Amino acid sequence: MVAFAPRPPDGLPTPGRFTHLHPDDGACLMESAALLAGGRFTDSPPGTHPALAALARVVNDSVGDATRHALWPLAAELADARPADRAYASLLVGSVVDAARVLRPASRRLARHGRACRRLSEKLAHVPAGGLPGRAADLVWWRGPGRRHLEHALRVLCAAPDADLRLARLLREAVAEARDRAAGDGVARGGRVPAAGESHCNR
């Protein structure tokens, strides 16, 4: 996969790490998604769910150049990947935590985070989207414990010997799930984001 990584189409910036001031300097995966969506140059385009965008930014900044180039086709899908159901963020974060637990199965912290995500996603599974109180509650969770759970799990995954493979697979599956949920009003693949780390590993 990495050896035959495609090149970005003419007119798109060169894939790079971190944020950029201008497309002439390159673009991270989310900045490319913003350009493809026709919006302003930003790494937080409105068409991408904030939790998914956070995952994509970390993956973009953590993998090697070859893997980053191989992931660039995801930019077009990320440009339109914002499920409306309230359970999505906790499902996504929970899947990343599950992937990290494959590497550290004895971690009580990861186990605790995983349980918290599952409880919240079950609670919100049948709650309709919309309404200011619900949006405010979701924002508080995402900017607080949700983001902390995601960041801790990603640090574990980034330290793995095969981090590029795990992170790339995790992001691909997360993007596919987000688009499925957005198209199906929150019902996709059994209502859960698959954990990319659910494969065998040596650690």
N, C-alpha and C. Protein backbone atom coordinates (compact mmCIF):
# COMPACT_ATOMS: atom_id res chain seq x y z
N MET A 1 0.84 -1.20 0.00
CA MET A 1 0.00 0.00 0.00
C MET A 1 0.87 1.25 0.00
N VAL A 2 1.86 1.27 0.90
CA VAL A 2 2.68 2.47 1.02
C VAL A 2 3.57 2.64 -0.20
N ALA A 3 4.07 1.53 -0.75
CA ALA A 3 5.00 1.61 -1.88
C ALA A 3 4.34 2.22 -3.10
N PHE A 4 3.03 2.06 -3.23
CA PHE A 4 2.33 2.57 -4.40
C PHE A 4 1.36 3.69 -4.01
N ALA A 5 1.76 4.51 -3.07
CA ALA A 5 0.91 5.60 -2.61
C ALA A 5 0.63 6.56 -3.75
N PRO A 6 -0.65 6.92 -3.96
CA PRO A 6 -0.98 7.84 -5.04
C PRO A 6 -0.51 9.25 -4.74
N ARG A 7 -0.38 10.03 -5.78
CA ARG A 7 -0.02 11.43 -5.64
C ARG A 7 -1.28 12.27 -5.65
N PRO A 8 -1.28 13.38 -4.89
CA PRO A 8 -2.46 14.26 -4.91
C PRO A 8 -2.69 14.82 -6.31
N PRO A 9 -3.93 15.04 -6.68
CA PRO A 9 -4.22 15.62 -7.99
C PRO A 9 -3.59 17.00 -8.13
N ASP A 10 -3.35 17.41 -9.36
CA ASP A 10 -2.84 18.75 -9.61
C ASP A 10 -3.78 19.78 -9.00
N GLY A 11 -3.21 20.76 -8.35
CA GLY A 11 -4.01 21.81 -7.73
C GLY A 11 -4.18 21.65 -6.24
N LEU A 12 -3.96 20.43 -5.73
CA LEU A 12 -4.04 20.22 -4.28
C LEU A 12 -2.65 20.38 -3.67
N PRO A 13 -2.58 20.93 -2.47
CA PRO A 13 -1.27 21.12 -1.82
C PRO A 13 -0.59 19.79 -1.52
N THR A 14 0.70 19.86 -1.31
CA THR A 14 1.47 18.69 -0.92
C THR A 14 1.10 18.30 0.51
N PRO A 15 0.81 17.01 0.76
CA PRO A 15 0.48 16.60 2.12
C PRO A 15 1.64 16.85 3.08
N GLY A 16 1.32 17.38 4.25
CA GLY A 16 2.36 17.67 5.23
C GLY A 16 1.83 17.56 6.64
N ARG A 17 2.74 17.59 7.60
CA ARG A 17 2.37 17.54 9.01
C ARG A 17 1.89 18.91 9.51
N PHE A 18 1.08 18.88 10.53
CA PHE A 18 0.66 20.06 11.28
C PHE A 18 -0.15 21.03 10.42
N THR A 19 -0.44 22.20 10.98
CA THR A 19 -1.25 23.19 10.28
C THR A 19 -0.36 24.06 9.39
N HIS A 20 -1.00 24.72 8.43
CA HIS A 20 -0.27 25.55 7.48
C HIS A 20 -0.99 26.88 7.33
N LEU A 21 -0.23 27.94 7.07
CA LEU A 21 -0.82 29.26 6.91
C LEU A 21 -1.47 29.43 5.55
N HIS A 22 -0.94 28.72 4.54
CA HIS A 22 -1.43 28.89 3.16
C HIS A 22 -1.24 27.58 2.41
N PRO A 23 -2.13 27.27 1.48
CA PRO A 23 -1.98 26.03 0.70
C PRO A 23 -0.65 25.92 -0.03
N ASP A 24 -0.04 27.04 -0.35
CA ASP A 24 1.26 26.98 -1.02
C ASP A 24 2.32 26.32 -0.15
N ASP A 25 2.09 26.32 1.16
CA ASP A 25 3.05 25.72 2.10
C ASP A 25 2.78 24.24 2.33
N GLY A 26 1.71 23.72 1.72
CA GLY A 26 1.29 22.35 1.96
C GLY A 26 -0.02 22.33 2.73
N ALA A 27 -0.49 21.13 3.04
CA ALA A 27 -1.76 21.01 3.76
C ALA A 27 -1.80 19.68 4.49
N CYS A 28 -2.37 19.70 5.68
CA CYS A 28 -2.64 18.45 6.37
C CYS A 28 -3.90 17.83 5.76
N LEU A 29 -4.25 16.64 6.22
CA LEU A 29 -5.40 15.94 5.66
C LEU A 29 -6.68 16.74 5.82
N MET A 30 -6.89 17.35 6.99
CA MET A 30 -8.12 18.10 7.21
C MET A 30 -8.13 19.41 6.43
N GLU A 31 -7.00 20.03 6.24
CA GLU A 31 -6.95 21.24 5.41
C GLU A 31 -7.27 20.91 3.96
N SER A 32 -6.80 19.76 3.49
CA SER A 32 -7.16 19.32 2.14
C SER A 32 -8.66 19.06 2.04
N ALA A 33 -9.24 18.48 3.09
CA ALA A 33 -10.69 18.25 3.10
C ALA A 33 -11.45 19.57 3.01
N ALA A 34 -10.97 20.59 3.72
CA ALA A 34 -11.62 21.89 3.68
C ALA A 34 -11.57 22.49 2.28
N LEU A 35 -10.43 22.36 1.62
CA LEU A 35 -10.31 22.87 0.25
C LEU A 35 -11.25 22.15 -0.69
N LEU A 36 -11.33 20.83 -0.56
CA LEU A 36 -12.21 20.05 -1.43
C LEU A 36 -13.68 20.37 -1.17
N ALA A 37 -13.99 20.78 0.06
CA ALA A 37 -15.37 21.16 0.38
C ALA A 37 -15.72 22.55 -0.11
N GLY A 38 -14.73 23.28 -0.59
CA GLY A 38 -14.97 24.62 -1.10
C GLY A 38 -15.06 25.68 -0.04
N GLY A 39 -14.60 25.37 1.17
CA GLY A 39 -14.65 26.34 2.25
C GLY A 39 -13.31 27.02 2.45
N ARG A 40 -13.19 27.70 3.59
CA ARG A 40 -11.95 28.39 3.91
C ARG A 40 -10.87 27.38 4.28
N PHE A 41 -9.64 27.80 4.24
CA PHE A 41 -8.50 26.94 4.53
C PHE A 41 -8.38 26.77 6.04
N THR A 42 -8.80 25.62 6.55
CA THR A 42 -8.83 25.37 7.99
C THR A 42 -8.65 23.88 8.22
N ASP A 43 -8.20 23.51 9.41
CA ASP A 43 -8.11 22.09 9.73
C ASP A 43 -9.33 21.60 10.51
N SER A 44 -10.37 22.45 10.59
CA SER A 44 -11.62 22.07 11.24
C SER A 44 -12.80 22.44 10.34
N PRO A 45 -12.93 21.81 9.17
CA PRO A 45 -14.02 22.17 8.26
C PRO A 45 -15.37 21.77 8.84
N PRO A 46 -16.42 22.53 8.55
CA PRO A 46 -17.74 22.27 9.14
C PRO A 46 -18.36 20.96 8.69
N GLY A 47 -17.92 20.41 7.57
CA GLY A 47 -18.50 19.16 7.08
C GLY A 47 -17.97 17.92 7.75
N THR A 48 -17.01 18.06 8.65
CA THR A 48 -16.40 16.92 9.34
C THR A 48 -16.74 16.97 10.82
N HIS A 49 -17.15 15.86 11.38
CA HIS A 49 -17.44 15.82 12.80
C HIS A 49 -16.18 16.18 13.58
N PRO A 50 -16.28 17.01 14.62
CA PRO A 50 -15.08 17.42 15.36
C PRO A 50 -14.26 16.27 15.92
N ALA A 51 -14.90 15.21 16.40
CA ALA A 51 -14.15 14.08 16.93
C ALA A 51 -13.38 13.36 15.83
N LEU A 52 -14.00 13.21 14.68
CA LEU A 52 -13.32 12.57 13.55
C LEU A 52 -12.19 13.45 13.05
N ALA A 53 -12.41 14.77 13.01
CA ALA A 53 -11.35 15.68 12.58
C ALA A 53 -10.16 15.62 13.53
N ALA A 54 -10.43 15.51 14.84
CA ALA A 54 -9.34 15.41 15.81
C ALA A 54 -8.53 14.14 15.58
N LEU A 55 -9.21 13.03 15.31
CA LEU A 55 -8.52 11.78 15.01
C LEU A 55 -7.68 11.93 13.75
N ALA A 56 -8.24 12.52 12.71
CA ALA A 56 -7.52 12.67 11.45
C ALA A 56 -6.28 13.54 11.60
N ARG A 57 -6.38 14.60 12.41
CA ARG A 57 -5.22 15.47 12.60
C ARG A 57 -4.07 14.72 13.29
N VAL A 58 -4.39 13.94 14.31
CA VAL A 58 -3.34 13.20 15.01
C VAL A 58 -2.71 12.16 14.09
N VAL A 59 -3.53 11.44 13.35
CA VAL A 59 -3.00 10.44 12.41
C VAL A 59 -2.11 11.11 11.39
N ASN A 60 -2.58 12.20 10.80
CA ASN A 60 -1.80 12.93 9.80
C ASN A 60 -0.43 13.34 10.34
N ASP A 61 -0.41 13.83 11.57
CA ASP A 61 0.82 14.36 12.13
C ASP A 61 1.75 13.28 12.67
N SER A 62 1.24 12.07 12.85
CA SER A 62 2.01 11.02 13.51
C SER A 62 2.62 9.99 12.56
N VAL A 63 2.03 9.80 11.39
CA VAL A 63 2.53 8.77 10.48
C VAL A 63 3.65 9.32 9.62
N GLY A 64 4.36 8.42 8.96
CA GLY A 64 5.43 8.80 8.07
C GLY A 64 4.92 9.37 6.75
N ASP A 65 5.83 9.92 5.97
CA ASP A 65 5.45 10.58 4.72
C ASP A 65 4.73 9.64 3.76
N ALA A 66 5.23 8.42 3.62
CA ALA A 66 4.63 7.49 2.67
C ALA A 66 3.19 7.15 3.07
N THR A 67 2.97 6.90 4.35
CA THR A 67 1.61 6.60 4.81
C THR A 67 0.70 7.81 4.67
N ARG A 68 1.24 9.00 4.97
CA ARG A 68 0.43 10.21 4.83
C ARG A 68 -0.01 10.40 3.37
N HIS A 69 0.88 10.17 2.44
CA HIS A 69 0.50 10.29 1.03
C HIS A 69 -0.54 9.25 0.65
N ALA A 70 -0.42 8.04 1.21
CA ALA A 70 -1.38 6.99 0.90
C ALA A 70 -2.77 7.31 1.46
N LEU A 71 -2.84 8.15 2.48
CA LEU A 71 -4.12 8.49 3.10
C LEU A 71 -4.81 9.67 2.44
N TRP A 72 -4.13 10.37 1.52
CA TRP A 72 -4.72 11.62 1.02
C TRP A 72 -6.08 11.43 0.36
N PRO A 73 -6.41 10.28 -0.31
CA PRO A 73 -7.75 10.16 -0.88
C PRO A 73 -8.88 10.28 0.15
N LEU A 74 -8.57 10.07 1.43
CA LEU A 74 -9.60 10.22 2.46
C LEU A 74 -10.07 11.65 2.61
N ALA A 75 -9.29 12.61 2.12
CA ALA A 75 -9.68 14.02 2.27
C ALA A 75 -11.05 14.28 1.67
N ALA A 76 -11.32 13.69 0.51
CA ALA A 76 -12.62 13.91 -0.14
C ALA A 76 -13.76 13.35 0.70
N GLU A 77 -13.53 12.22 1.35
CA GLU A 77 -14.57 11.62 2.19
C GLU A 77 -14.72 12.37 3.51
N LEU A 78 -13.62 12.85 4.05
CA LEU A 78 -13.67 13.62 5.29
C LEU A 78 -14.42 14.93 5.12
N ALA A 79 -14.42 15.45 3.90
CA ALA A 79 -15.09 16.72 3.64
C ALA A 79 -16.59 16.64 3.89
N ASP A 80 -17.14 15.42 3.88
CA ASP A 80 -18.58 15.24 4.08
C ASP A 80 -18.78 14.04 4.99
N ALA A 81 -18.37 14.17 6.24
CA ALA A 81 -18.46 13.07 7.20
C ALA A 81 -18.83 13.62 8.56
N ARG A 82 -20.10 13.96 8.73
CA ARG A 82 -20.56 14.54 10.00
C ARG A 82 -21.89 13.91 10.40
N PRO A 83 -21.86 12.75 11.05
CA PRO A 83 -23.11 12.14 11.51
C PRO A 83 -23.83 13.06 12.48
N ALA A 84 -25.15 13.05 12.41
CA ALA A 84 -25.94 13.93 13.27
C ALA A 84 -26.30 13.28 14.60
N ASP A 85 -26.22 11.94 14.67
CA ASP A 85 -26.67 11.29 15.90
C ASP A 85 -25.72 11.59 17.06
N ARG A 86 -26.29 11.77 18.23
CA ARG A 86 -25.52 12.23 19.38
C ARG A 86 -24.57 11.17 19.93
N ALA A 87 -24.81 9.91 19.62
CA ALA A 87 -23.95 8.84 20.14
C ALA A 87 -22.65 8.72 19.37
N TYR A 88 -22.53 9.39 18.22
CA TYR A 88 -21.38 9.14 17.35
C TYR A 88 -20.04 9.43 18.02
N ALA A 89 -19.91 10.56 18.68
CA ALA A 89 -18.61 10.94 19.25
C ALA A 89 -18.13 9.92 20.27
N SER A 90 -19.01 9.49 21.16
CA SER A 90 -18.61 8.51 22.17
C SER A 90 -18.32 7.16 21.54
N LEU A 91 -19.02 6.80 20.47
CA LEU A 91 -18.72 5.56 19.76
C LEU A 91 -17.33 5.62 19.13
N LEU A 92 -17.03 6.74 18.50
CA LEU A 92 -15.72 6.89 17.86
C LEU A 92 -14.59 6.84 18.89
N VAL A 93 -14.74 7.63 19.95
CA VAL A 93 -13.71 7.64 20.98
C VAL A 93 -13.57 6.25 21.60
N GLY A 94 -14.68 5.58 21.83
CA GLY A 94 -14.64 4.24 22.38
C GLY A 94 -13.90 3.27 21.49
N SER A 95 -14.05 3.41 20.17
CA SER A 95 -13.34 2.51 19.25
C SER A 95 -11.84 2.73 19.29
N VAL A 96 -11.42 3.99 19.47
CA VAL A 96 -9.99 4.28 19.57
C VAL A 96 -9.44 3.74 20.89
N VAL A 97 -10.21 3.88 21.95
CA VAL A 97 -9.80 3.32 23.24
C VAL A 97 -9.68 1.80 23.14
N ASP A 98 -10.63 1.14 22.47
CA ASP A 98 -10.57 -0.31 22.30
C ASP A 98 -9.31 -0.71 21.53
N ALA A 99 -8.96 0.06 20.52
CA ALA A 99 -7.75 -0.24 19.75
C ALA A 99 -6.51 -0.11 20.63
N ALA A 100 -6.50 0.87 21.51
CA ALA A 100 -5.36 1.04 22.42
C ALA A 100 -5.29 -0.07 23.45
N ARG A 101 -6.44 -0.58 23.87
CA ARG A 101 -6.46 -1.65 24.87
C ARG A 101 -5.88 -2.94 24.33
N VAL A 102 -5.89 -3.13 23.01
CA VAL A 102 -5.24 -4.30 22.44
C VAL A 102 -3.75 -4.28 22.77
N LEU A 103 -3.19 -3.08 22.78
CA LEU A 103 -1.77 -2.93 23.10
C LEU A 103 -1.51 -2.95 24.60
N ARG A 104 -2.45 -2.45 25.38
CA ARG A 104 -2.28 -2.41 26.84
C ARG A 104 -3.52 -2.97 27.52
N PRO A 105 -3.70 -4.28 27.44
CA PRO A 105 -4.92 -4.88 27.98
C PRO A 105 -5.05 -4.76 29.50
N ALA A 106 -3.95 -4.55 30.19
CA ALA A 106 -4.00 -4.44 31.66
C ALA A 106 -4.23 -3.02 32.15
N SER A 107 -4.35 -2.07 31.23
CA SER A 107 -4.48 -0.66 31.63
C SER A 107 -5.86 -0.40 32.24
N ARG A 108 -5.87 -0.06 33.51
CA ARG A 108 -7.14 0.27 34.16
C ARG A 108 -7.70 1.58 33.65
N ARG A 109 -6.82 2.48 33.31
CA ARG A 109 -7.28 3.78 32.80
C ARG A 109 -8.02 3.61 31.48
N LEU A 110 -7.45 2.82 30.57
CA LEU A 110 -8.12 2.58 29.29
C LEU A 110 -9.43 1.83 29.50
N ALA A 111 -9.43 0.87 30.41
CA ALA A 111 -10.66 0.12 30.68
C ALA A 111 -11.75 1.06 31.21
N ARG A 112 -11.36 1.97 32.08
CA ARG A 112 -12.32 2.93 32.63
C ARG A 112 -12.86 3.86 31.55
N HIS A 113 -11.98 4.32 30.69
CA HIS A 113 -12.41 5.19 29.59
C HIS A 113 -13.34 4.45 28.64
N GLY A 114 -13.01 3.19 28.35
CA GLY A 114 -13.86 2.41 27.46
C GLY A 114 -15.26 2.23 28.04
N ARG A 115 -15.36 1.93 29.33
CA ARG A 115 -16.67 1.78 29.96
C ARG A 115 -17.46 3.07 29.92
N ALA A 116 -16.78 4.19 30.15
CA ALA A 116 -17.47 5.49 30.13
C ALA A 116 -18.03 5.79 28.75
N CYS A 117 -17.25 5.48 27.71
CA CYS A 117 -17.73 5.72 26.34
C CYS A 117 -18.91 4.83 26.01
N ARG A 118 -18.85 3.56 26.43
CA ARG A 118 -19.95 2.65 26.14
C ARG A 118 -21.23 3.08 26.85
N ARG A 119 -21.09 3.48 28.11
CA ARG A 119 -22.28 3.93 28.85
C ARG A 119 -22.93 5.13 28.17
N LEU A 120 -22.09 6.08 27.76
CA LEU A 120 -22.65 7.29 27.14
C LEU A 120 -23.28 6.97 25.79
N SER A 121 -22.63 6.15 24.97
CA SER A 121 -23.18 5.83 23.66
C SER A 121 -24.49 5.07 23.78
N GLU A 122 -24.59 4.19 24.77
CA GLU A 122 -25.85 3.46 25.00
C GLU A 122 -26.95 4.42 25.45
N LYS A 123 -26.58 5.38 26.28
CA LYS A 123 -27.55 6.35 26.76
C LYS A 123 -28.08 7.23 25.64
N LEU A 124 -27.18 7.57 24.68
CA LEU A 124 -27.57 8.50 23.61
C LEU A 124 -28.05 7.80 22.34
N ALA A 125 -28.02 6.48 22.33
CA ALA A 125 -28.30 5.74 21.10
C ALA A 125 -29.66 6.08 20.50
N HIS A 126 -30.63 6.30 21.34
CA HIS A 126 -31.99 6.55 20.82
C HIS A 126 -32.48 7.96 21.17
N VAL A 127 -31.54 8.84 21.48
CA VAL A 127 -31.91 10.23 21.76
C VAL A 127 -31.83 11.01 20.46
N PRO A 128 -32.90 11.69 20.07
CA PRO A 128 -32.87 12.44 18.81
C PRO A 128 -31.87 13.59 18.85
N ALA A 129 -31.29 13.86 17.70
CA ALA A 129 -30.36 14.98 17.59
C ALA A 129 -31.13 16.29 17.59
N GLY A 130 -30.41 17.38 17.87
CA GLY A 130 -31.04 18.69 17.84
C GLY A 130 -31.38 19.18 19.24
N GLY A 131 -31.61 20.48 19.32
CA GLY A 131 -31.93 21.08 20.61
C GLY A 131 -30.70 21.64 21.27
N LEU A 132 -30.81 22.84 21.76
CA LEU A 132 -29.67 23.53 22.36
C LEU A 132 -29.12 22.80 23.59
N PRO A 133 -29.96 22.32 24.52
CA PRO A 133 -29.40 21.62 25.69
C PRO A 133 -28.59 20.39 25.30
N GLY A 134 -29.08 19.62 24.35
CA GLY A 134 -28.35 18.43 23.91
C GLY A 134 -27.03 18.79 23.26
N ARG A 135 -27.03 19.79 22.40
CA ARG A 135 -25.79 20.20 21.74
C ARG A 135 -24.78 20.73 22.75
N ALA A 136 -25.27 21.46 23.74
CA ALA A 136 -24.37 21.99 24.77
C ALA A 136 -23.76 20.85 25.58
N ALA A 137 -24.57 19.86 25.95
CA ALA A 137 -24.06 18.72 26.72
C ALA A 137 -23.03 17.94 25.92
N ASP A 138 -23.29 17.75 24.63
CA ASP A 138 -22.35 17.02 23.79
C ASP A 138 -21.04 17.78 23.67
N LEU A 139 -21.12 19.09 23.55
CA LEU A 139 -19.91 19.90 23.43
C LEU A 139 -19.08 19.84 24.71
N VAL A 140 -19.75 19.90 25.86
CA VAL A 140 -19.03 19.83 27.13
C VAL A 140 -18.31 18.49 27.25
N TRP A 141 -18.98 17.39 26.87
CA TRP A 141 -18.34 16.08 26.96
C TRP A 141 -17.15 16.01 26.01
N TRP A 142 -17.34 16.48 24.78
CA TRP A 142 -16.27 16.35 23.80
C TRP A 142 -15.06 17.20 24.18
N ARG A 143 -15.28 18.40 24.66
CA ARG A 143 -14.16 19.28 25.01
C ARG A 143 -13.52 18.91 26.35
N GLY A 144 -14.18 18.05 27.10
CA GLY A 144 -13.64 17.61 28.38
C GLY A 144 -13.18 16.17 28.33
N PRO A 145 -13.93 15.25 28.94
CA PRO A 145 -13.47 13.85 29.01
C PRO A 145 -13.33 13.18 27.66
N GLY A 146 -14.20 13.50 26.72
CA GLY A 146 -14.11 12.85 25.41
C GLY A 146 -12.78 13.09 24.73
N ARG A 147 -12.35 14.34 24.70
CA ARG A 147 -11.07 14.66 24.08
C ARG A 147 -9.91 14.04 24.85
N ARG A 148 -9.98 14.06 26.18
CA ARG A 148 -8.91 13.48 26.97
C ARG A 148 -8.80 11.97 26.75
N HIS A 149 -9.94 11.28 26.68
CA HIS A 149 -9.92 9.84 26.41
C HIS A 149 -9.29 9.57 25.05
N LEU A 150 -9.67 10.35 24.04
CA LEU A 150 -9.14 10.15 22.69
C LEU A 150 -7.64 10.39 22.66
N GLU A 151 -7.19 11.46 23.26
CA GLU A 151 -5.77 11.80 23.21
C GLU A 151 -4.92 10.76 23.93
N HIS A 152 -5.39 10.26 25.06
CA HIS A 152 -4.62 9.24 25.77
C HIS A 152 -4.52 7.96 24.95
N ALA A 153 -5.64 7.52 24.38
CA ALA A 153 -5.62 6.30 23.57
C ALA A 153 -4.71 6.46 22.35
N LEU A 154 -4.72 7.63 21.74
CA LEU A 154 -3.87 7.84 20.57
C LEU A 154 -2.39 7.87 20.94
N ARG A 155 -2.07 8.37 22.12
CA ARG A 155 -0.67 8.31 22.55
C ARG A 155 -0.19 6.87 22.66
N VAL A 156 -1.05 5.99 23.16
CA VAL A 156 -0.70 4.57 23.25
C VAL A 156 -0.50 4.00 21.85
N LEU A 157 -1.39 4.29 20.94
CA LEU A 157 -1.28 3.76 19.59
C LEU A 157 -0.06 4.31 18.86
N CYS A 158 0.25 5.58 19.07
CA CYS A 158 1.40 6.18 18.39
C CYS A 158 2.72 5.58 18.85
N ALA A 159 2.74 4.98 20.03
CA ALA A 159 3.96 4.38 20.56
C ALA A 159 4.16 2.95 20.08
N ALA A 160 3.20 2.38 19.37
CA ALA A 160 3.31 1.00 18.91
C ALA A 160 4.37 0.88 17.81
N PRO A 161 5.06 -0.25 17.72
CA PRO A 161 6.06 -0.44 16.66
C PRO A 161 5.47 -0.33 15.26
N ASP A 162 4.22 -0.75 15.11
CA ASP A 162 3.54 -0.68 13.82
C ASP A 162 2.49 0.42 13.83
N ALA A 163 2.84 1.55 14.41
CA ALA A 163 1.87 2.63 14.58
C ALA A 163 1.27 3.10 13.27
N ASP A 164 2.08 3.23 12.22
CA ASP A 164 1.55 3.70 10.94
C ASP A 164 0.42 2.81 10.45
N LEU A 165 0.63 1.50 10.51
CA LEU A 165 -0.38 0.56 10.04
C LEU A 165 -1.65 0.67 10.87
N ARG A 166 -1.50 0.70 12.17
CA ARG A 166 -2.67 0.76 13.05
C ARG A 166 -3.44 2.06 12.89
N LEU A 167 -2.72 3.17 12.84
CA LEU A 167 -3.38 4.47 12.74
C LEU A 167 -4.08 4.63 11.39
N ALA A 168 -3.43 4.21 10.32
CA ALA A 168 -4.04 4.32 8.99
C ALA A 168 -5.30 3.48 8.90
N ARG A 169 -5.25 2.26 9.42
CA ARG A 169 -6.43 1.40 9.37
C ARG A 169 -7.55 1.97 10.23
N LEU A 170 -7.19 2.48 11.40
CA LEU A 170 -8.19 3.07 12.29
C LEU A 170 -8.89 4.25 11.62
N LEU A 171 -8.14 5.12 10.98
CA LEU A 171 -8.74 6.29 10.34
C LEU A 171 -9.62 5.88 9.16
N ARG A 172 -9.16 4.95 8.35
CA ARG A 172 -9.97 4.51 7.21
C ARG A 172 -11.31 3.94 7.67
N GLU A 173 -11.28 3.12 8.69
CA GLU A 173 -12.51 2.52 9.19
C GLU A 173 -13.41 3.57 9.84
N ALA A 174 -12.81 4.52 10.53
CA ALA A 174 -13.61 5.57 11.17
C ALA A 174 -14.29 6.46 10.13
N VAL A 175 -13.59 6.79 9.05
CA VAL A 175 -14.20 7.61 8.00
C VAL A 175 -15.34 6.86 7.33
N ALA A 176 -15.13 5.59 7.02
CA ALA A 176 -16.19 4.81 6.40
C ALA A 176 -17.41 4.72 7.31
N GLU A 177 -17.18 4.52 8.60
CA GLU A 177 -18.29 4.43 9.53
C GLU A 177 -19.03 5.76 9.66
N ALA A 178 -18.30 6.85 9.70
CA ALA A 178 -18.94 8.16 9.82
C ALA A 178 -19.83 8.44 8.62
N ARG A 179 -19.35 8.12 7.44
CA ARG A 179 -20.15 8.37 6.24
C ARG A 179 -21.36 7.45 6.18
N ASP A 180 -21.19 6.21 6.65
CA ASP A 180 -22.33 5.30 6.72
C ASP A 180 -23.39 5.82 7.68
N ARG A 181 -22.94 6.28 8.83
CA ARG A 181 -23.90 6.79 9.82
C ARG A 181 -24.57 8.07 9.34
N ALA A 182 -23.82 8.92 8.67
CA ALA A 182 -24.41 10.16 8.15
C ALA A 182 -25.46 9.86 7.09
N ALA A 183 -25.20 8.83 6.27
CA ALA A 183 -26.15 8.48 5.21
C ALA A 183 -27.34 7.70 5.74
N GLY A 184 -27.13 6.98 6.85
CA GLY A 184 -28.19 6.11 7.35
C GLY A 184 -28.84 6.59 8.62
N ASP A 185 -28.73 7.89 8.91
CA ASP A 185 -29.37 8.47 10.10
C ASP A 185 -28.95 7.77 11.37
N GLY A 186 -27.65 7.45 11.46
CA GLY A 186 -27.14 6.94 12.72
C GLY A 186 -27.13 5.43 12.84
N VAL A 187 -27.61 4.69 11.83
CA VAL A 187 -27.61 3.24 11.91
C VAL A 187 -26.62 2.70 10.90
N ALA A 188 -25.51 2.17 11.39
CA ALA A 188 -24.49 1.67 10.48
C ALA A 188 -23.69 0.57 11.14
N ARG A 189 -23.50 -0.51 10.43
CA ARG A 189 -22.65 -1.62 10.88
C ARG A 189 -22.94 -2.03 12.32
N GLY A 190 -24.20 -2.19 12.62
CA GLY A 190 -24.54 -2.63 13.97
C GLY A 190 -24.48 -1.55 15.01
N GLY A 191 -24.35 -0.28 14.59
CA GLY A 191 -24.38 0.83 15.52
C GLY A 191 -23.09 1.03 16.28
N ARG A 192 -21.97 0.56 15.78
CA ARG A 192 -20.71 0.75 16.50
C ARG A 192 -19.59 0.98 15.52
N VAL A 193 -18.64 1.79 15.94
CA VAL A 193 -17.45 1.99 15.13
C VAL A 193 -16.49 0.85 15.40
N PRO A 194 -16.09 0.08 14.38
CA PRO A 194 -15.20 -1.04 14.64
C PRO A 194 -13.84 -0.56 15.11
N ALA A 195 -13.26 -1.28 16.05
CA ALA A 195 -11.93 -0.93 16.55
C ALA A 195 -10.88 -1.51 15.64
N ALA A 196 -10.08 -0.62 15.06
CA ALA A 196 -9.07 -1.08 14.13
C ALA A 196 -8.02 -1.94 14.81
N GLY A 197 -7.89 -1.83 16.10
CA GLY A 197 -6.89 -2.62 16.80
C GLY A 197 -7.36 -4.03 17.13
N GLU A 198 -8.53 -4.46 16.64
CA GLU A 198 -9.04 -5.75 16.98
C GLU A 198 -8.38 -6.85 16.15
N SER A 199 -7.19 -6.64 15.71
CA SER A 199 -6.41 -7.67 15.06
C SER A 199 -5.35 -8.15 16.04
N HIS A 200 -4.71 -9.24 15.74
CA HIS A 200 -3.70 -9.78 16.65
C HIS A 200 -2.46 -8.91 16.64
N CYS A 201 -1.82 -8.78 17.77
CA CYS A 201 -0.56 -8.06 17.85
C CYS A 201 0.35 -8.78 18.82
N ASN A 202 1.60 -8.39 18.85
CA ASN A 202 2.59 -9.08 19.67
C ASN A 202 2.89 -8.36 20.97
N ARG A 203 2.08 -7.35 21.29
CA ARG A 203 2.40 -6.55 22.47
C ARG A 203 1.19 -6.42 23.38
